[in-house]
Amino acid sequence: MQAEELRALQAPLKQRYRDQAQAAMITLSAHGNLDEGFTCSVETGKALVHAGLHPATGGDGVAACSGDMLLQALVACAGVTLRAVATALGVPVHGGTVTAEGDLDFRGTLGVNREAPVGFADIRLRFDLETDATPEQLEQVLKLTERYCVVYQTDLAQCAARVRHTGENSRVVATRNT
């Protein structure tokens, strides 16, 4: 896709969102079924992913780890965003890789040490690109990718979160607002 095609594709959407801000607010969702043992099947729209415990928490390594899935979502979002930004700016990117790595202290999630954090302590995102771009162009592409990547910009610890039980006696189990 060329820059002109991308602009033409997005122009009516951008105008609609300028005119009707509420039209830009869309709820994305994920659905999973609790399976046997310690797994949950998540529908991705294209396939069914069985998520389970990481081997560091007693899992057998057969099911996908949700922490890995979070990093995969970051890689996917950053990769798509980088491609769109580069295309919009007319910066050639011939190929490359996107890698995310995150550090976890499993003592936290296993409750071994109350001082150990639950969740990623550090996440690193790396792009290894095949490009003829100048250093200035590349810096701009990366800056805008960081700015517009939804997953990168979402600080899950700071998001308003509501955990609900929606069974017969539906009630909010926990709420955190910023």
N, C-alpha and C. Protein backbone atom coordinates (compact mmCIF):
# COMPACT_ATOMS: atom_id res chain seq x y z
N MET A 1 0.84 -1.17 0.00
CA MET A 1 0.00 0.00 0.00
C MET A 1 0.89 1.24 0.00
N GLN A 2 0.53 2.19 -0.79
CA GLN A 2 1.26 3.45 -0.89
C GLN A 2 0.64 4.49 0.05
N ALA A 3 1.40 5.54 0.32
CA ALA A 3 0.94 6.60 1.23
C ALA A 3 -0.39 7.18 0.79
N GLU A 4 -0.57 7.40 -0.51
CA GLU A 4 -1.82 7.98 -1.01
C GLU A 4 -3.01 7.06 -0.73
N GLU A 5 -2.80 5.75 -0.90
CA GLU A 5 -3.86 4.78 -0.65
C GLU A 5 -4.23 4.76 0.84
N LEU A 6 -3.21 4.82 1.70
CA LEU A 6 -3.46 4.83 3.14
C LEU A 6 -4.23 6.08 3.54
N ARG A 7 -3.80 7.22 3.02
CA ARG A 7 -4.51 8.48 3.33
C ARG A 7 -5.95 8.43 2.86
N ALA A 8 -6.16 7.91 1.64
CA ALA A 8 -7.52 7.82 1.10
C ALA A 8 -8.38 6.87 1.94
N LEU A 9 -7.79 5.81 2.42
CA LEU A 9 -8.52 4.84 3.25
C LEU A 9 -8.90 5.46 4.59
N GLN A 10 -7.98 6.22 5.18
CA GLN A 10 -8.21 6.75 6.52
C GLN A 10 -8.91 8.11 6.54
N ALA A 11 -8.89 8.85 5.45
CA ALA A 11 -9.46 10.20 5.43
C ALA A 11 -10.92 10.26 5.88
N PRO A 12 -11.81 9.41 5.36
CA PRO A 12 -13.21 9.50 5.81
C PRO A 12 -13.37 9.13 7.29
N LEU A 13 -12.55 8.22 7.75
CA LEU A 13 -12.61 7.85 9.17
C LEU A 13 -12.16 9.00 10.04
N LYS A 14 -11.06 9.63 9.68
CA LYS A 14 -10.56 10.77 10.46
C LYS A 14 -11.57 11.90 10.49
N GLN A 15 -12.20 12.18 9.34
CA GLN A 15 -13.19 13.25 9.30
C GLN A 15 -14.39 12.92 10.17
N ARG A 16 -14.83 11.69 10.10
CA ARG A 16 -15.97 11.28 10.94
C ARG A 16 -15.64 11.45 12.42
N TYR A 17 -14.43 11.06 12.82
CA TYR A 17 -14.04 11.17 14.22
C TYR A 17 -13.87 12.63 14.65
N ARG A 18 -13.46 13.50 13.71
CA ARG A 18 -13.40 14.92 14.03
C ARG A 18 -14.81 15.47 14.25
N ASP A 19 -15.74 15.06 13.38
CA ASP A 19 -17.11 15.56 13.44
C ASP A 19 -17.92 14.93 14.58
N GLN A 20 -17.65 13.68 14.86
CA GLN A 20 -18.41 12.92 15.86
C GLN A 20 -17.43 12.18 16.76
N ALA A 21 -16.92 12.85 17.77
CA ALA A 21 -15.90 12.27 18.65
C ALA A 21 -16.36 10.94 19.25
N GLN A 22 -17.64 10.82 19.58
CA GLN A 22 -18.13 9.59 20.20
C GLN A 22 -18.02 8.39 19.25
N ALA A 23 -18.00 8.63 17.95
CA ALA A 23 -17.87 7.54 16.99
C ALA A 23 -16.49 6.89 17.06
N ALA A 24 -15.50 7.61 17.59
CA ALA A 24 -14.14 7.08 17.70
C ALA A 24 -13.97 6.18 18.91
N MET A 25 -14.91 6.20 19.84
CA MET A 25 -14.82 5.36 21.04
C MET A 25 -15.44 4.01 20.74
N ILE A 26 -14.61 3.01 20.65
CA ILE A 26 -15.03 1.66 20.31
C ILE A 26 -14.54 0.71 21.39
N THR A 27 -15.40 -0.18 21.82
CA THR A 27 -15.00 -1.16 22.82
C THR A 27 -14.49 -2.42 22.13
N LEU A 28 -13.24 -2.74 22.38
CA LEU A 28 -12.67 -4.01 21.91
C LEU A 28 -12.88 -5.02 23.01
N SER A 29 -12.98 -6.29 22.65
CA SER A 29 -13.19 -7.28 23.69
C SER A 29 -12.45 -8.56 23.36
N ALA A 30 -12.26 -9.34 24.37
CA ALA A 30 -11.66 -10.67 24.23
C ALA A 30 -12.54 -11.62 25.02
N HIS A 31 -12.60 -12.84 24.57
CA HIS A 31 -13.45 -13.84 25.21
C HIS A 31 -12.65 -15.12 25.41
N GLY A 32 -12.80 -15.73 26.54
CA GLY A 32 -12.11 -16.98 26.81
C GLY A 32 -13.01 -17.94 27.55
N ASN A 33 -12.76 -19.22 27.35
CA ASN A 33 -13.49 -20.27 28.07
C ASN A 33 -12.53 -20.98 29.01
N LEU A 34 -12.96 -21.14 30.26
CA LEU A 34 -12.14 -21.86 31.22
C LEU A 34 -12.19 -23.34 30.87
N ASP A 35 -11.01 -23.91 30.68
CA ASP A 35 -10.89 -25.30 30.27
C ASP A 35 -10.45 -26.15 31.44
N GLU A 36 -10.12 -27.39 31.13
CA GLU A 36 -9.64 -28.32 32.16
C GLU A 36 -8.30 -27.86 32.70
N GLY A 37 -8.03 -28.19 33.93
CA GLY A 37 -6.74 -27.84 34.53
C GLY A 37 -6.59 -26.34 34.63
N PHE A 38 -5.41 -25.87 34.34
CA PHE A 38 -5.10 -24.44 34.46
C PHE A 38 -4.97 -23.80 33.10
N THR A 39 -5.98 -23.96 32.24
CA THR A 39 -5.94 -23.34 30.93
C THR A 39 -7.23 -22.58 30.66
N CYS A 40 -7.13 -21.65 29.74
CA CYS A 40 -8.25 -20.84 29.30
C CYS A 40 -8.11 -20.70 27.79
N SER A 41 -9.14 -21.05 27.03
CA SER A 41 -9.10 -20.92 25.58
C SER A 41 -9.56 -19.53 25.19
N VAL A 42 -8.72 -18.82 24.44
CA VAL A 42 -9.01 -17.46 24.04
C VAL A 42 -9.25 -17.43 22.54
N GLU A 43 -10.37 -16.83 22.15
CA GLU A 43 -10.70 -16.69 20.73
C GLU A 43 -9.98 -15.46 20.20
N THR A 44 -9.16 -15.65 19.17
CA THR A 44 -8.40 -14.53 18.61
C THR A 44 -9.04 -13.95 17.38
N GLY A 45 -10.11 -14.53 16.90
CA GLY A 45 -10.72 -14.09 15.66
C GLY A 45 -10.22 -14.91 14.49
N LYS A 46 -9.03 -15.43 14.60
CA LYS A 46 -8.45 -16.25 13.53
C LYS A 46 -8.18 -17.68 14.00
N ALA A 47 -8.02 -17.84 15.29
CA ALA A 47 -7.68 -19.16 15.82
C ALA A 47 -8.08 -19.19 17.30
N LEU A 48 -7.97 -20.35 17.88
CA LEU A 48 -8.24 -20.52 19.30
C LEU A 48 -6.90 -20.77 19.99
N VAL A 49 -6.59 -19.96 20.98
CA VAL A 49 -5.32 -20.08 21.71
C VAL A 49 -5.62 -20.61 23.10
N HIS A 50 -4.91 -21.65 23.49
CA HIS A 50 -5.05 -22.19 24.85
C HIS A 50 -3.96 -21.57 25.71
N ALA A 51 -4.38 -20.76 26.67
CA ALA A 51 -3.43 -20.12 27.58
C ALA A 51 -3.36 -20.91 28.87
N GLY A 52 -2.19 -20.99 29.42
CA GLY A 52 -2.02 -21.73 30.67
C GLY A 52 -0.89 -21.17 31.50
N LEU A 53 -0.56 -21.88 32.53
CA LEU A 53 0.52 -21.45 33.42
C LEU A 53 1.88 -21.53 32.72
N HIS A 54 2.70 -20.54 32.99
CA HIS A 54 4.08 -20.55 32.51
C HIS A 54 4.83 -21.65 33.27
N PRO A 55 5.81 -22.29 32.65
CA PRO A 55 6.57 -23.32 33.35
C PRO A 55 7.18 -22.84 34.67
N ALA A 56 7.48 -21.54 34.78
CA ALA A 56 8.05 -21.01 36.02
C ALA A 56 7.02 -20.96 37.15
N THR A 57 5.75 -21.21 36.82
CA THR A 57 4.70 -21.25 37.85
C THR A 57 4.06 -22.63 37.94
N GLY A 58 4.66 -23.61 37.30
CA GLY A 58 4.15 -24.97 37.38
C GLY A 58 3.48 -25.47 36.12
N GLY A 59 3.42 -24.67 35.07
CA GLY A 59 2.83 -25.10 33.81
C GLY A 59 3.75 -26.05 33.07
N ASP A 60 3.16 -26.76 32.11
CA ASP A 60 3.95 -27.74 31.35
C ASP A 60 4.54 -27.16 30.07
N GLY A 61 4.24 -25.91 29.76
CA GLY A 61 4.80 -25.28 28.57
C GLY A 61 4.03 -25.56 27.30
N VAL A 62 2.98 -26.37 27.38
CA VAL A 62 2.20 -26.70 26.19
C VAL A 62 1.26 -25.53 25.82
N ALA A 63 0.62 -24.95 26.82
CA ALA A 63 -0.30 -23.84 26.58
C ALA A 63 0.47 -22.52 26.52
N ALA A 64 -0.09 -21.56 25.81
CA ALA A 64 0.54 -20.24 25.70
C ALA A 64 0.49 -19.53 27.04
N CYS A 65 1.54 -18.82 27.37
CA CYS A 65 1.60 -18.02 28.60
C CYS A 65 1.00 -16.65 28.31
N SER A 66 0.13 -16.17 29.17
CA SER A 66 -0.50 -14.87 28.94
C SER A 66 0.52 -13.74 28.93
N GLY A 67 1.60 -13.86 29.67
CA GLY A 67 2.66 -12.86 29.61
C GLY A 67 3.29 -12.80 28.23
N ASP A 68 3.53 -13.97 27.64
CA ASP A 68 4.04 -14.02 26.27
C ASP A 68 3.04 -13.40 25.31
N MET A 69 1.75 -13.66 25.54
CA MET A 69 0.71 -13.11 24.67
C MET A 69 0.67 -11.58 24.76
N LEU A 70 0.91 -11.04 25.93
CA LEU A 70 0.96 -9.59 26.09
C LEU A 70 2.11 -9.02 25.27
N LEU A 71 3.28 -9.66 25.34
CA LEU A 71 4.42 -9.21 24.54
C LEU A 71 4.14 -9.37 23.05
N GLN A 72 3.46 -10.45 22.67
CA GLN A 72 3.11 -10.66 21.27
C GLN A 72 2.15 -9.57 20.78
N ALA A 73 1.21 -9.16 21.64
CA ALA A 73 0.30 -8.08 21.27
C ALA A 73 1.08 -6.78 21.06
N LEU A 74 2.06 -6.53 21.90
CA LEU A 74 2.90 -5.34 21.75
C LEU A 74 3.66 -5.40 20.43
N VAL A 75 4.25 -6.54 20.12
CA VAL A 75 5.00 -6.70 18.87
C VAL A 75 4.09 -6.49 17.67
N ALA A 76 2.91 -7.10 17.71
CA ALA A 76 1.97 -6.97 16.59
C ALA A 76 1.55 -5.52 16.39
N CYS A 77 1.17 -4.87 17.47
CA CYS A 77 0.71 -3.49 17.39
C CYS A 77 1.84 -2.56 16.92
N ALA A 78 3.01 -2.72 17.50
CA ALA A 78 4.14 -1.87 17.13
C ALA A 78 4.54 -2.11 15.67
N GLY A 79 4.51 -3.36 15.23
CA GLY A 79 4.87 -3.67 13.84
C GLY A 79 3.89 -3.07 12.85
N VAL A 80 2.59 -3.20 13.13
CA VAL A 80 1.57 -2.64 12.25
C VAL A 80 1.65 -1.12 12.26
N THR A 81 1.83 -0.54 13.43
CA THR A 81 1.92 0.91 13.54
C THR A 81 3.14 1.44 12.80
N LEU A 82 4.28 0.78 12.96
CA LEU A 82 5.49 1.20 12.27
C LEU A 82 5.28 1.17 10.75
N ARG A 83 4.67 0.10 10.25
CA ARG A 83 4.42 0.00 8.81
C ARG A 83 3.52 1.15 8.33
N ALA A 84 2.45 1.44 9.09
CA ALA A 84 1.53 2.50 8.70
C ALA A 84 2.21 3.87 8.75
N VAL A 85 2.99 4.13 9.79
CA VAL A 85 3.70 5.40 9.92
C VAL A 85 4.71 5.56 8.79
N ALA A 86 5.50 4.53 8.55
CA ALA A 86 6.51 4.60 7.49
C ALA A 86 5.84 4.84 6.14
N THR A 87 4.74 4.16 5.90
CA THR A 87 4.02 4.34 4.64
C THR A 87 3.50 5.77 4.51
N ALA A 88 2.88 6.27 5.58
CA ALA A 88 2.33 7.64 5.55
C ALA A 88 3.42 8.68 5.32
N LEU A 89 4.62 8.44 5.84
CA LEU A 89 5.72 9.39 5.68
C LEU A 89 6.54 9.15 4.40
N GLY A 90 6.23 8.07 3.71
CA GLY A 90 6.99 7.75 2.50
C GLY A 90 8.39 7.25 2.79
N VAL A 91 8.58 6.65 3.96
CA VAL A 91 9.89 6.12 4.35
C VAL A 91 9.92 4.63 4.00
N PRO A 92 10.87 4.21 3.16
CA PRO A 92 10.91 2.80 2.75
C PRO A 92 11.39 1.87 3.88
N VAL A 93 10.57 0.88 4.18
CA VAL A 93 10.97 -0.20 5.10
C VAL A 93 10.75 -1.49 4.32
N HIS A 94 11.85 -2.16 4.00
CA HIS A 94 11.79 -3.35 3.15
C HIS A 94 11.49 -4.62 3.92
N GLY A 95 11.72 -4.59 5.19
CA GLY A 95 11.50 -5.77 6.04
C GLY A 95 12.13 -5.52 7.39
N GLY A 96 12.21 -6.57 8.17
CA GLY A 96 12.83 -6.45 9.48
C GLY A 96 12.10 -7.27 10.53
N THR A 97 12.47 -7.05 11.76
CA THR A 97 11.85 -7.77 12.87
C THR A 97 11.52 -6.80 14.00
N VAL A 98 10.55 -7.20 14.79
CA VAL A 98 10.18 -6.47 15.99
C VAL A 98 10.27 -7.48 17.13
N THR A 99 10.95 -7.11 18.20
CA THR A 99 11.15 -8.01 19.34
C THR A 99 10.77 -7.30 20.62
N ALA A 100 10.00 -7.98 21.46
CA ALA A 100 9.69 -7.47 22.80
C ALA A 100 10.18 -8.48 23.81
N GLU A 101 10.82 -7.98 24.83
CA GLU A 101 11.29 -8.82 25.94
C GLU A 101 10.83 -8.17 27.23
N GLY A 102 10.44 -8.99 28.18
CA GLY A 102 10.00 -8.45 29.46
C GLY A 102 10.54 -9.27 30.61
N ASP A 103 10.83 -8.60 31.71
CA ASP A 103 11.38 -9.26 32.89
C ASP A 103 10.30 -9.42 33.96
N LEU A 104 10.15 -10.64 34.42
CA LEU A 104 9.18 -10.97 35.47
C LEU A 104 9.90 -11.61 36.65
N ASP A 105 9.47 -11.28 37.83
CA ASP A 105 9.92 -11.95 39.05
C ASP A 105 8.77 -12.84 39.50
N PHE A 106 8.88 -14.12 39.25
CA PHE A 106 7.77 -15.03 39.52
C PHE A 106 7.49 -15.24 41.00
N ARG A 107 8.36 -14.72 41.86
CA ARG A 107 8.05 -14.78 43.29
C ARG A 107 6.80 -13.98 43.60
N GLY A 108 6.58 -12.89 42.83
CA GLY A 108 5.41 -12.05 43.06
C GLY A 108 4.11 -12.75 42.71
N THR A 109 4.04 -13.33 41.53
CA THR A 109 2.80 -13.97 41.09
C THR A 109 2.51 -15.26 41.87
N LEU A 110 3.56 -15.87 42.40
CA LEU A 110 3.36 -17.09 43.21
C LEU A 110 3.15 -16.78 44.69
N GLY A 111 3.24 -15.51 45.06
CA GLY A 111 3.03 -15.14 46.46
C GLY A 111 4.15 -15.57 47.38
N VAL A 112 5.33 -15.79 46.84
CA VAL A 112 6.48 -16.23 47.63
C VAL A 112 7.05 -15.06 48.43
N ASN A 113 7.00 -13.88 47.84
CA ASN A 113 7.56 -12.69 48.48
C ASN A 113 6.63 -11.52 48.20
N ARG A 114 6.02 -10.98 49.25
CA ARG A 114 5.07 -9.87 49.08
C ARG A 114 5.73 -8.61 48.53
N GLU A 115 7.04 -8.49 48.67
CA GLU A 115 7.75 -7.33 48.16
C GLU A 115 8.06 -7.45 46.67
N ALA A 116 8.02 -8.66 46.14
CA ALA A 116 8.31 -8.88 44.72
C ALA A 116 7.10 -8.42 43.90
N PRO A 117 7.33 -7.66 42.84
CA PRO A 117 6.22 -7.16 42.04
C PRO A 117 5.51 -8.28 41.28
N VAL A 118 4.23 -8.10 41.07
CA VAL A 118 3.47 -8.97 40.19
C VAL A 118 3.36 -8.23 38.87
N GLY A 119 3.82 -8.82 37.82
CA GLY A 119 3.81 -8.16 36.51
C GLY A 119 5.21 -7.87 36.03
N PHE A 120 5.27 -7.32 34.83
CA PHE A 120 6.56 -7.02 34.22
C PHE A 120 7.24 -5.86 34.93
N ALA A 121 8.49 -6.05 35.28
CA ALA A 121 9.28 -4.98 35.88
C ALA A 121 9.88 -4.10 34.78
N ASP A 122 10.15 -4.69 33.62
CA ASP A 122 10.77 -3.96 32.53
C ASP A 122 10.38 -4.64 31.22
N ILE A 123 10.03 -3.84 30.23
CA ILE A 123 9.73 -4.35 28.89
C ILE A 123 10.58 -3.57 27.90
N ARG A 124 11.24 -4.30 27.02
CA ARG A 124 12.08 -3.69 25.99
C ARG A 124 11.51 -4.03 24.62
N LEU A 125 11.41 -3.02 23.77
CA LEU A 125 10.89 -3.20 22.41
C LEU A 125 12.01 -2.80 21.45
N ARG A 126 12.33 -3.69 20.52
CA ARG A 126 13.44 -3.46 19.60
C ARG A 126 12.98 -3.68 18.16
N PHE A 127 13.39 -2.77 17.29
CA PHE A 127 13.14 -2.89 15.86
C PHE A 127 14.47 -3.10 15.16
N ASP A 128 14.57 -4.14 14.36
CA ASP A 128 15.73 -4.36 13.48
C ASP A 128 15.18 -4.25 12.06
N LEU A 129 15.43 -3.11 11.42
CA LEU A 129 14.77 -2.80 10.16
C LEU A 129 15.72 -2.85 8.97
N GLU A 130 15.18 -3.31 7.85
CA GLU A 130 15.86 -3.24 6.56
C GLU A 130 15.29 -2.00 5.88
N THR A 131 16.08 -0.93 5.83
CA THR A 131 15.58 0.34 5.31
C THR A 131 16.70 1.17 4.72
N ASP A 132 16.31 2.01 3.78
CA ASP A 132 17.23 2.98 3.21
C ASP A 132 17.02 4.35 3.85
N ALA A 133 16.25 4.40 4.90
CA ALA A 133 15.91 5.67 5.54
C ALA A 133 17.14 6.33 6.13
N THR A 134 17.10 7.64 6.15
CA THR A 134 18.16 8.39 6.81
C THR A 134 17.96 8.25 8.33
N PRO A 135 19.00 8.51 9.11
CA PRO A 135 18.83 8.46 10.57
C PRO A 135 17.70 9.37 11.06
N GLU A 136 17.54 10.53 10.43
CA GLU A 136 16.48 11.46 10.83
C GLU A 136 15.10 10.88 10.52
N GLN A 137 14.95 10.28 9.33
CA GLN A 137 13.68 9.66 8.97
C GLN A 137 13.35 8.51 9.92
N LEU A 138 14.35 7.70 10.20
CA LEU A 138 14.14 6.56 11.08
C LEU A 138 13.75 7.01 12.49
N GLU A 139 14.40 8.06 12.96
CA GLU A 139 14.06 8.60 14.28
C GLU A 139 12.60 9.07 14.31
N GLN A 140 12.15 9.71 13.24
CA GLN A 140 10.76 10.19 13.16
C GLN A 140 9.78 9.02 13.11
N VAL A 141 10.10 8.00 12.34
CA VAL A 141 9.23 6.82 12.25
C VAL A 141 9.10 6.16 13.62
N LEU A 142 10.21 5.99 14.31
CA LEU A 142 10.17 5.34 15.62
C LEU A 142 9.44 6.21 16.65
N LYS A 143 9.65 7.51 16.60
CA LYS A 143 8.97 8.43 17.52
C LYS A 143 7.45 8.35 17.33
N LEU A 144 7.01 8.36 16.08
CA LEU A 144 5.57 8.31 15.81
C LEU A 144 4.99 6.92 16.07
N THR A 145 5.78 5.89 15.85
CA THR A 145 5.33 4.54 16.17
C THR A 145 5.06 4.43 17.66
N GLU A 146 5.99 4.94 18.45
CA GLU A 146 5.82 4.94 19.91
C GLU A 146 4.57 5.73 20.30
N ARG A 147 4.38 6.86 19.66
CA ARG A 147 3.24 7.73 20.00
C ARG A 147 1.90 7.10 19.65
N TYR A 148 1.81 6.39 18.51
CA TYR A 148 0.52 5.91 18.02
C TYR A 148 0.25 4.43 18.26
N CYS A 149 1.18 3.70 18.82
CA CYS A 149 0.95 2.28 19.10
C CYS A 149 0.07 2.15 20.34
N VAL A 150 -1.12 1.62 20.16
CA VAL A 150 -2.11 1.52 21.24
C VAL A 150 -1.59 0.69 22.41
N VAL A 151 -1.00 -0.45 22.12
CA VAL A 151 -0.54 -1.33 23.20
C VAL A 151 0.63 -0.68 23.94
N TYR A 152 1.53 -0.06 23.20
CA TYR A 152 2.67 0.62 23.84
C TYR A 152 2.19 1.74 24.75
N GLN A 153 1.21 2.48 24.31
CA GLN A 153 0.73 3.63 25.07
C GLN A 153 -0.20 3.26 26.23
N THR A 154 -0.63 2.01 26.29
CA THR A 154 -1.53 1.59 27.35
C THR A 154 -0.73 1.13 28.55
N ASP A 155 -0.80 1.88 29.61
CA ASP A 155 -0.16 1.50 30.87
C ASP A 155 -1.23 0.76 31.68
N LEU A 156 -1.16 -0.55 31.62
CA LEU A 156 -2.23 -1.35 32.22
C LEU A 156 -2.39 -1.10 33.71
N ALA A 157 -1.32 -0.77 34.40
CA ALA A 157 -1.42 -0.52 35.83
C ALA A 157 -2.17 0.78 36.13
N GLN A 158 -2.24 1.68 35.14
CA GLN A 158 -2.89 2.96 35.35
C GLN A 158 -4.29 3.03 34.75
N CYS A 159 -4.69 2.00 33.98
CA CYS A 159 -6.02 2.01 33.37
C CYS A 159 -7.09 1.80 34.42
N ALA A 160 -8.24 2.39 34.17
CA ALA A 160 -9.39 2.07 35.01
C ALA A 160 -9.76 0.63 34.70
N ALA A 161 -9.85 -0.19 35.70
CA ALA A 161 -10.16 -1.61 35.49
C ALA A 161 -11.31 -2.01 36.38
N ARG A 162 -12.18 -2.81 35.82
CA ARG A 162 -13.29 -3.37 36.59
C ARG A 162 -13.30 -4.87 36.36
N VAL A 163 -13.31 -5.60 37.44
CA VAL A 163 -13.39 -7.05 37.35
C VAL A 163 -14.78 -7.42 37.84
N ARG A 164 -15.53 -8.14 37.03
CA ARG A 164 -16.91 -8.46 37.37
C ARG A 164 -17.16 -9.96 37.32
N HIS A 165 -18.05 -10.36 38.15
CA HIS A 165 -18.61 -11.71 38.07
C HIS A 165 -19.99 -11.52 37.47
N THR A 166 -20.26 -12.13 36.33
CA THR A 166 -21.52 -11.88 35.65
C THR A 166 -22.46 -13.07 35.70
N GLY A 167 -22.30 -13.87 36.72
CA GLY A 167 -23.20 -15.01 36.87
C GLY A 167 -24.56 -14.56 37.40
N GLU A 168 -25.28 -15.48 38.00
CA GLU A 168 -26.62 -15.21 38.49
C GLU A 168 -26.64 -14.06 39.50
N ASN A 169 -25.63 -14.00 40.36
CA ASN A 169 -25.53 -12.93 41.35
C ASN A 169 -24.46 -11.94 40.91
N SER A 170 -24.70 -11.28 39.79
CA SER A 170 -23.71 -10.38 39.20
C SER A 170 -23.34 -9.27 40.16
N ARG A 171 -22.03 -9.05 40.30
CA ARG A 171 -21.54 -8.00 41.18
C ARG A 171 -20.15 -7.61 40.74
N VAL A 172 -19.75 -6.39 41.08
CA VAL A 172 -18.38 -5.96 40.79
C VAL A 172 -17.49 -6.53 41.89
N VAL A 173 -16.45 -7.25 41.48
CA VAL A 173 -15.53 -7.86 42.44
C VAL A 173 -14.46 -6.86 42.86
N ALA A 174 -13.93 -6.10 41.91
CA ALA A 174 -12.89 -5.13 42.22
C ALA A 174 -12.95 -4.01 41.20
N THR A 175 -12.66 -2.82 41.65
CA THR A 175 -12.60 -1.66 40.76
C THR A 175 -11.37 -0.84 41.08
N ARG A 176 -10.69 -0.38 40.05
CA ARG A 176 -9.55 0.52 40.23
C ARG A 176 -9.73 1.62 39.19
N ASN A 177 -9.78 2.85 39.63
CA ASN A 177 -9.90 3.99 38.73
C ASN A 177 -8.71 4.91 38.94
N THR A 178 -8.36 5.63 37.88
CA THR A 178 -7.27 6.60 37.99
C THR A 178 -7.83 7.99 38.07
